[in-house]
Amino acid sequence: MASFTDLDVWKKAREIRIYISGLVKSFPIEDKYRLTDQIIRSSRSVGNNLAEGHGR
């Protein structure tokens, strides 16, 4: 069985996560610890869930 890192969908999720991480740096400072944190955690969750599901 191939690794989850070989999945095209995981690769695309990683690209989106990296893009989002760069994008939120431009958000206002007052949103940094609420909205920004939630967006980053959500984008990471996609790849993590794909990796977890791949092993089942």
Foldseek 3Di string as FASTA:
>chain_A
DDALVPDPVLVVLVVVLVVLLVVCVPPDPVCCPPVSVVVNVVSVVVNVVSRVVVVD
